[in-house]
Amino acid sequence: MSTIAAFVGVQSEKNRAHDFQQSSILPFLLVGLVLATLFIGGLILIARQLAP
């Protein structure tokens, strides 16, 4: 949930500080990659629908 909030840009300073105290970055990287892939895929689908 924290990665989603950061991806959108609405994460609080308290949650950001807590995230940086975690021992592993792997969950954040995985969720970030999935979100970025879904975002880009969504943009491609929209562009294809709007193209003549």
N, C-alpha and C. Protein backbone atom coordinates (compact mmCIF):
# COMPACT_ATOMS: atom_id res chain seq x y z
N MET A 1 0.83 -1.19 0.00
CA MET A 1 0.00 0.00 0.00
C MET A 1 0.87 1.26 0.00
N SER A 2 1.97 1.16 0.68
CA SER A 2 2.88 2.30 0.76
C SER A 2 3.46 2.65 -0.61
N THR A 3 3.76 1.63 -1.39
CA THR A 3 4.33 1.86 -2.72
C THR A 3 3.30 2.51 -3.63
N ILE A 4 2.05 2.11 -3.50
CA ILE A 4 0.99 2.71 -4.31
C ILE A 4 0.83 4.19 -3.96
N ALA A 5 0.86 4.51 -2.69
CA ALA A 5 0.75 5.90 -2.26
C ALA A 5 1.92 6.73 -2.77
N ALA A 6 3.10 6.17 -2.72
CA ALA A 6 4.28 6.88 -3.22
C ALA A 6 4.22 7.04 -4.73
N PHE A 7 3.70 6.04 -5.43
CA PHE A 7 3.59 6.08 -6.89
C PHE A 7 2.67 7.22 -7.31
N VAL A 8 1.60 7.42 -6.56
CA VAL A 8 0.64 8.48 -6.86
C VAL A 8 1.15 9.83 -6.34
N GLY A 9 2.00 9.81 -5.35
CA GLY A 9 2.57 11.04 -4.82
C GLY A 9 1.86 11.57 -3.59
N VAL A 10 1.18 10.73 -2.84
CA VAL A 10 0.42 11.19 -1.69
C VAL A 10 0.88 10.55 -0.38
N GLN A 11 2.06 10.01 -0.35
CA GLN A 11 2.54 9.33 0.86
C GLN A 11 2.96 10.35 1.91
N SER A 12 2.66 10.07 3.17
CA SER A 12 3.02 10.97 4.26
C SER A 12 4.49 10.81 4.62
N GLU A 13 5.02 11.81 5.28
CA GLU A 13 6.42 11.78 5.71
C GLU A 13 6.64 10.66 6.73
N LYS A 14 5.66 10.42 7.59
CA LYS A 14 5.76 9.36 8.59
C LYS A 14 5.90 7.99 7.91
N ASN A 15 5.07 7.71 6.91
CA ASN A 15 5.15 6.43 6.21
C ASN A 15 6.43 6.30 5.40
N ARG A 16 6.88 7.41 4.81
CA ARG A 16 8.13 7.37 4.04
C ARG A 16 9.30 7.03 4.96
N ALA A 17 9.35 7.64 6.12
CA ALA A 17 10.43 7.37 7.08
C ALA A 17 10.37 5.92 7.54
N HIS A 18 9.19 5.40 7.76
CA HIS A 18 9.04 4.00 8.18
C HIS A 18 9.53 3.06 7.08
N ASP A 19 9.22 3.39 5.83
CA ASP A 19 9.64 2.54 4.71
C ASP A 19 11.16 2.46 4.59
N PHE A 20 11.84 3.56 4.86
CA PHE A 20 13.29 3.56 4.75
C PHE A 20 13.97 2.80 5.89
N GLN A 21 13.22 2.43 6.90
CA GLN A 21 13.77 1.64 8.00
C GLN A 21 13.60 0.15 7.76
N GLN A 22 12.92 -0.25 6.70
CA GLN A 22 12.71 -1.66 6.39
C GLN A 22 14.04 -2.29 5.96
N SER A 23 14.16 -3.58 6.19
CA SER A 23 15.42 -4.25 5.90
C SER A 23 15.55 -4.65 4.44
N SER A 24 14.44 -4.83 3.74
CA SER A 24 14.50 -5.30 2.36
C SER A 24 13.78 -4.34 1.42
N ILE A 25 14.42 -4.06 0.30
CA ILE A 25 13.82 -3.18 -0.70
C ILE A 25 13.04 -3.98 -1.74
N LEU A 26 13.20 -5.29 -1.74
CA LEU A 26 12.60 -6.14 -2.76
C LEU A 26 11.09 -5.98 -2.92
N PRO A 27 10.30 -5.97 -1.84
CA PRO A 27 8.85 -5.80 -2.04
C PRO A 27 8.49 -4.47 -2.71
N PHE A 28 9.22 -3.41 -2.35
CA PHE A 28 8.95 -2.10 -2.94
C PHE A 28 9.31 -2.09 -4.42
N LEU A 29 10.42 -2.74 -4.77
CA LEU A 29 10.82 -2.82 -6.17
C LEU A 29 9.82 -3.62 -7.00
N LEU A 30 9.38 -4.73 -6.48
CA LEU A 30 8.44 -5.57 -7.21
C LEU A 30 7.11 -4.85 -7.45
N VAL A 31 6.57 -4.24 -6.42
CA VAL A 31 5.30 -3.52 -6.58
C VAL A 31 5.48 -2.33 -7.50
N GLY A 32 6.59 -1.64 -7.39
CA GLY A 32 6.87 -0.50 -8.27
C GLY A 32 6.96 -0.92 -9.73
N LEU A 33 7.63 -2.03 -9.99
CA LEU A 33 7.73 -2.51 -11.37
C LEU A 33 6.37 -2.93 -11.93
N VAL A 34 5.57 -3.58 -11.11
CA VAL A 34 4.23 -3.99 -11.55
C VAL A 34 3.38 -2.75 -11.84
N LEU A 35 3.41 -1.76 -10.96
CA LEU A 35 2.63 -0.55 -11.18
C LEU A 35 3.08 0.20 -12.42
N ALA A 36 4.38 0.32 -12.62
CA ALA A 36 4.89 1.00 -13.81
C ALA A 36 4.49 0.26 -15.07
N THR A 37 4.55 -1.06 -15.05
CA THR A 37 4.16 -1.86 -16.22
C THR A 37 2.67 -1.68 -16.52
N LEU A 38 1.84 -1.71 -15.49
CA LEU A 38 0.41 -1.51 -15.69
C LEU A 38 0.11 -0.11 -16.21
N PHE A 39 0.80 0.88 -15.71
CA PHE A 39 0.60 2.25 -16.16
C PHE A 39 0.97 2.41 -17.63
N ILE A 40 2.12 1.91 -18.00
CA ILE A 40 2.56 2.00 -19.40
C ILE A 40 1.64 1.20 -20.31
N GLY A 41 1.26 0.01 -19.87
CA GLY A 41 0.33 -0.80 -20.64
C GLY A 41 -1.00 -0.10 -20.85
N GLY A 42 -1.49 0.55 -19.81
CA GLY A 42 -2.73 1.31 -19.92
C GLY A 42 -2.62 2.46 -20.90
N LEU A 43 -1.50 3.15 -20.87
CA LEU A 43 -1.29 4.25 -21.82
C LEU A 43 -1.24 3.74 -23.26
N ILE A 44 -0.60 2.61 -23.46
CA ILE A 44 -0.53 2.02 -24.81
C ILE A 44 -1.92 1.62 -25.29
N LEU A 45 -2.71 1.00 -24.42
CA LEU A 45 -4.07 0.63 -24.80
C LEU A 45 -4.92 1.85 -25.15
N ILE A 46 -4.82 2.90 -24.37
CA ILE A 46 -5.57 4.11 -24.65
C ILE A 46 -5.13 4.71 -25.98
N ALA A 47 -3.83 4.77 -26.21
CA ALA A 47 -3.32 5.33 -27.46
C ALA A 47 -3.80 4.52 -28.66
N ARG A 48 -3.83 3.20 -28.54
CA ARG A 48 -4.30 2.36 -29.64
C ARG A 48 -5.79 2.56 -29.92
N GLN A 49 -6.56 2.79 -28.88
CA GLN A 49 -8.00 3.01 -29.05
C GLN A 49 -8.28 4.35 -29.71
N LEU A 50 -7.44 5.35 -29.43
CA LEU A 50 -7.64 6.69 -29.98
C LEU A 50 -7.04 6.88 -31.36
N ALA A 51 -6.14 6.00 -31.75
CA ALA A 51 -5.49 6.12 -33.07
C ALA A 51 -6.48 5.77 -34.17
N PRO A 52 -6.47 6.52 -35.26
CA PRO A 52 -7.38 6.23 -36.37
C PRO A 52 -7.04 4.96 -37.11
